[in-house]
Amino acid sequence: MQPTNQKRYYTPQFSEKAAVTVRRLAWALGVPMPKAVDQIISLLPSLFSPSVVCPQCKDKTKCQYCGFNKAAAAANAALSV
């Protein structure tokens, strides 16, 4: 059962390769799969430049939550420590 203080935003269908890979990463990190996915997501701005991603964005209302927004990413990182 989902805790009432956490909202689910989107549940993508993973390919078998992605699901198997994330499961192994989660085991290696000793965390549940959703936390492993969160860690992967937090690394994306180091792999893809916001200058490439942000101009293609189709929802400018969520910038404060987006990992590609450097100010928001720094604030969220400080909150998760």
N, C-alpha and C. Protein backbone atom coordinates (compact mmCIF):
# COMPACT_ATOMS: atom_id res chain seq x y z
N MET A 1 0.84 -1.20 0.00
CA MET A 1 0.00 0.00 0.00
C MET A 1 0.87 1.25 0.00
N GLN A 2 0.50 2.21 -0.79
CA GLN A 2 1.24 3.46 -0.93
C GLN A 2 1.05 4.34 0.31
N PRO A 3 2.15 4.86 0.91
CA PRO A 3 1.99 5.81 2.02
C PRO A 3 1.20 7.03 1.55
N THR A 4 0.38 7.58 2.43
CA THR A 4 -0.48 8.70 2.04
C THR A 4 0.30 9.99 1.82
N ASN A 5 1.53 10.07 2.32
CA ASN A 5 2.30 11.31 2.15
C ASN A 5 3.13 11.32 0.87
N GLN A 6 3.05 10.27 0.07
CA GLN A 6 3.78 10.24 -1.19
C GLN A 6 2.80 10.13 -2.35
N LYS A 7 2.97 10.98 -3.33
CA LYS A 7 2.11 10.98 -4.50
C LYS A 7 2.82 10.30 -5.65
N ARG A 8 2.14 9.41 -6.34
CA ARG A 8 2.70 8.79 -7.54
C ARG A 8 2.40 9.69 -8.72
N TYR A 9 3.42 9.96 -9.51
CA TYR A 9 3.26 10.88 -10.62
C TYR A 9 3.07 10.16 -11.94
N TYR A 10 3.82 9.10 -12.16
CA TYR A 10 3.77 8.43 -13.46
C TYR A 10 4.45 7.08 -13.30
N THR A 11 3.86 6.07 -13.83
CA THR A 11 4.45 4.74 -13.77
C THR A 11 4.71 4.26 -15.19
N PRO A 12 5.94 4.43 -15.67
CA PRO A 12 6.25 4.00 -17.03
C PRO A 12 6.36 2.48 -17.12
N GLN A 13 6.13 1.96 -18.28
CA GLN A 13 6.35 0.55 -18.53
C GLN A 13 7.82 0.39 -18.93
N PHE A 14 8.60 -0.28 -18.10
CA PHE A 14 10.00 -0.51 -18.40
C PHE A 14 10.14 -1.70 -19.34
N SER A 15 11.14 -1.63 -20.18
CA SER A 15 11.49 -2.82 -20.96
C SER A 15 12.05 -3.86 -19.99
N GLU A 16 12.10 -5.10 -20.43
CA GLU A 16 12.66 -6.14 -19.56
C GLU A 16 14.10 -5.81 -19.19
N LYS A 17 14.87 -5.33 -20.16
CA LYS A 17 16.27 -4.97 -19.89
C LYS A 17 16.37 -3.88 -18.83
N ALA A 18 15.54 -2.85 -18.95
CA ALA A 18 15.57 -1.75 -17.98
C ALA A 18 15.16 -2.24 -16.59
N ALA A 19 14.11 -3.03 -16.51
CA ALA A 19 13.64 -3.53 -15.21
C ALA A 19 14.69 -4.42 -14.54
N VAL A 20 15.28 -5.31 -15.32
CA VAL A 20 16.31 -6.20 -14.78
C VAL A 20 17.52 -5.39 -14.32
N THR A 21 17.92 -4.42 -15.11
CA THR A 21 19.09 -3.60 -14.78
C THR A 21 18.86 -2.77 -13.53
N VAL A 22 17.69 -2.13 -13.45
CA VAL A 22 17.38 -1.32 -12.26
C VAL A 22 17.28 -2.20 -11.02
N ARG A 23 16.70 -3.38 -11.15
CA ARG A 23 16.60 -4.31 -10.02
C ARG A 23 17.99 -4.64 -9.49
N ARG A 24 18.93 -4.94 -10.39
CA ARG A 24 20.30 -5.27 -9.97
C ARG A 24 20.98 -4.08 -9.32
N LEU A 25 20.77 -2.90 -9.86
CA LEU A 25 21.33 -1.69 -9.26
C LEU A 25 20.75 -1.49 -7.86
N ALA A 26 19.45 -1.67 -7.72
CA ALA A 26 18.81 -1.51 -6.41
C ALA A 26 19.40 -2.49 -5.40
N TRP A 27 19.59 -3.73 -5.81
CA TRP A 27 20.21 -4.71 -4.91
C TRP A 27 21.62 -4.26 -4.51
N ALA A 28 22.39 -3.80 -5.50
CA ALA A 28 23.76 -3.37 -5.22
C ALA A 28 23.80 -2.19 -4.26
N LEU A 29 22.83 -1.28 -4.39
CA LEU A 29 22.78 -0.10 -3.53
C LEU A 29 22.08 -0.37 -2.20
N GLY A 30 21.38 -1.50 -2.14
CA GLY A 30 20.65 -1.83 -0.91
C GLY A 30 19.42 -0.95 -0.71
N VAL A 31 18.79 -0.56 -1.81
CA VAL A 31 17.60 0.30 -1.74
C VAL A 31 16.49 -0.30 -2.59
N PRO A 32 15.24 0.12 -2.37
CA PRO A 32 14.15 -0.32 -3.24
C PRO A 32 14.32 0.25 -4.65
N MET A 33 13.67 -0.39 -5.61
CA MET A 33 13.78 0.05 -7.00
C MET A 33 13.40 1.52 -7.21
N PRO A 34 12.32 2.02 -6.61
CA PRO A 34 12.01 3.45 -6.83
C PRO A 34 13.13 4.38 -6.38
N LYS A 35 13.82 4.03 -5.30
CA LYS A 35 14.94 4.87 -4.85
C LYS A 35 16.11 4.76 -5.81
N ALA A 36 16.33 3.58 -6.38
CA ALA A 36 17.39 3.42 -7.38
C ALA A 36 17.08 4.26 -8.61
N VAL A 37 15.81 4.26 -9.04
CA VAL A 37 15.41 5.09 -10.19
C VAL A 37 15.62 6.56 -9.85
N ASP A 38 15.26 6.98 -8.63
CA ASP A 38 15.48 8.37 -8.23
C ASP A 38 16.96 8.74 -8.31
N GLN A 39 17.84 7.82 -7.90
CA GLN A 39 19.27 8.09 -7.97
C GLN A 39 19.74 8.21 -9.42
N ILE A 40 19.21 7.36 -10.28
CA ILE A 40 19.54 7.45 -11.71
C ILE A 40 19.08 8.81 -12.26
N ILE A 41 17.86 9.19 -11.92
CA ILE A 41 17.31 10.46 -12.40
C ILE A 41 18.15 11.64 -11.92
N SER A 42 18.65 11.57 -10.68
CA SER A 42 19.44 12.68 -10.16
C SER A 42 20.76 12.84 -10.91
N LEU A 43 21.21 11.79 -11.59
CA LEU A 43 22.45 11.88 -12.38
C LEU A 43 22.25 12.42 -13.79
N LEU A 44 21.03 12.44 -14.27
CA LEU A 44 20.78 12.85 -15.66
C LEU A 44 21.31 14.24 -16.00
N PRO A 45 21.18 15.25 -15.12
CA PRO A 45 21.73 16.56 -15.49
C PRO A 45 23.24 16.57 -15.68
N SER A 46 23.94 15.58 -15.13
CA SER A 46 25.38 15.51 -15.39
C SER A 46 25.69 14.85 -16.72
N LEU A 47 24.69 14.18 -17.29
CA LEU A 47 24.86 13.51 -18.59
C LEU A 47 24.31 14.33 -19.75
N PHE A 48 23.26 15.11 -19.48
CA PHE A 48 22.59 15.90 -20.51
C PHE A 48 22.51 17.34 -20.04
N SER A 49 22.98 18.25 -20.85
CA SER A 49 23.04 19.66 -20.48
C SER A 49 21.64 20.29 -20.45
N PRO A 50 21.38 21.08 -19.39
CA PRO A 50 20.11 21.82 -19.37
C PRO A 50 19.94 22.71 -20.60
N SER A 51 21.03 23.16 -21.19
CA SER A 51 20.94 24.02 -22.38
C SER A 51 20.40 23.24 -23.58
N VAL A 52 20.46 21.92 -23.52
CA VAL A 52 19.88 21.09 -24.57
C VAL A 52 18.44 20.70 -24.21
N VAL A 53 18.22 20.38 -22.94
CA VAL A 53 16.93 19.88 -22.50
C VAL A 53 15.89 20.99 -22.36
N CYS A 54 16.23 22.05 -21.66
CA CYS A 54 15.25 23.09 -21.32
C CYS A 54 14.56 23.73 -22.53
N PRO A 55 15.28 24.04 -23.61
CA PRO A 55 14.59 24.63 -24.76
C PRO A 55 13.54 23.70 -25.39
N GLN A 56 13.68 22.40 -25.19
CA GLN A 56 12.73 21.44 -25.74
C GLN A 56 11.57 21.14 -24.80
N CYS A 57 11.60 21.68 -23.60
CA CYS A 57 10.59 21.42 -22.58
C CYS A 57 9.21 21.88 -23.05
N LYS A 58 8.20 21.05 -22.77
CA LYS A 58 6.82 21.36 -23.16
C LYS A 58 5.94 21.71 -21.97
N ASP A 59 6.54 21.84 -20.77
CA ASP A 59 5.76 22.19 -19.58
C ASP A 59 6.62 23.07 -18.67
N LYS A 60 6.59 24.35 -18.91
CA LYS A 60 7.40 25.30 -18.14
C LYS A 60 6.85 25.56 -16.74
N THR A 61 5.75 24.93 -16.37
CA THR A 61 5.16 25.13 -15.04
C THR A 61 5.83 24.28 -13.98
N LYS A 62 6.68 23.34 -14.34
CA LYS A 62 7.29 22.40 -13.39
C LYS A 62 8.79 22.64 -13.20
N CYS A 63 9.30 23.76 -13.66
CA CYS A 63 10.74 24.03 -13.58
C CYS A 63 11.28 23.94 -12.15
N GLN A 64 10.49 24.36 -11.18
CA GLN A 64 10.98 24.35 -9.80
C GLN A 64 11.22 22.94 -9.29
N TYR A 65 10.66 21.93 -9.93
CA TYR A 65 10.84 20.54 -9.52
C TYR A 65 11.82 19.78 -10.40
N CYS A 66 12.22 20.38 -11.49
CA CYS A 66 13.01 19.69 -12.51
C CYS A 66 14.50 19.65 -12.15
N GLY A 67 15.10 18.49 -12.34
CA GLY A 67 16.52 18.32 -12.07
C GLY A 67 17.42 19.09 -13.02
N PHE A 68 16.88 19.49 -14.16
CA PHE A 68 17.68 20.26 -15.11
C PHE A 68 17.72 21.74 -14.75
N ASN A 69 16.85 22.18 -13.87
CA ASN A 69 16.86 23.55 -13.35
C ASN A 69 17.89 23.57 -12.21
N LYS A 70 19.03 24.17 -12.43
CA LYS A 70 20.13 24.10 -11.47
C LYS A 70 19.76 24.63 -10.09
N ALA A 71 19.01 25.73 -10.02
CA ALA A 71 18.61 26.28 -8.72
C ALA A 71 17.67 25.31 -7.99
N ALA A 72 16.73 24.75 -8.71
CA ALA A 72 15.79 23.80 -8.09
C ALA A 72 16.51 22.53 -7.68
N ALA A 73 17.44 22.07 -8.51
CA ALA A 73 18.19 20.86 -8.20
C ALA A 73 19.02 21.05 -6.93
N ALA A 74 19.65 22.21 -6.78
CA ALA A 74 20.45 22.48 -5.59
C ALA A 74 19.57 22.53 -4.34
N ALA A 75 18.41 23.16 -4.47
CA ALA A 75 17.48 23.25 -3.33
C ALA A 75 16.96 21.87 -2.94
N ASN A 76 16.60 21.05 -3.93
CA ASN A 76 16.09 19.70 -3.66
C ASN A 76 17.19 18.82 -3.06
N ALA A 77 18.43 18.99 -3.51
CA ALA A 77 19.54 18.20 -2.96
C ALA A 77 19.76 18.57 -1.49
N ALA A 78 19.64 19.85 -1.18
CA ALA A 78 19.81 20.29 0.21
C ALA A 78 18.70 19.73 1.09
N LEU A 79 17.49 19.62 0.56
CA LEU A 79 16.38 19.08 1.33
C LEU A 79 16.50 17.60 1.58
N SER A 80 17.13 16.86 0.66
CA SER A 80 17.20 15.40 0.78
C SER A 80 18.37 14.93 1.64
N VAL A 81 19.22 15.85 2.10
CA VAL A 81 20.37 15.48 2.92
C VAL A 81 19.97 15.25 4.35
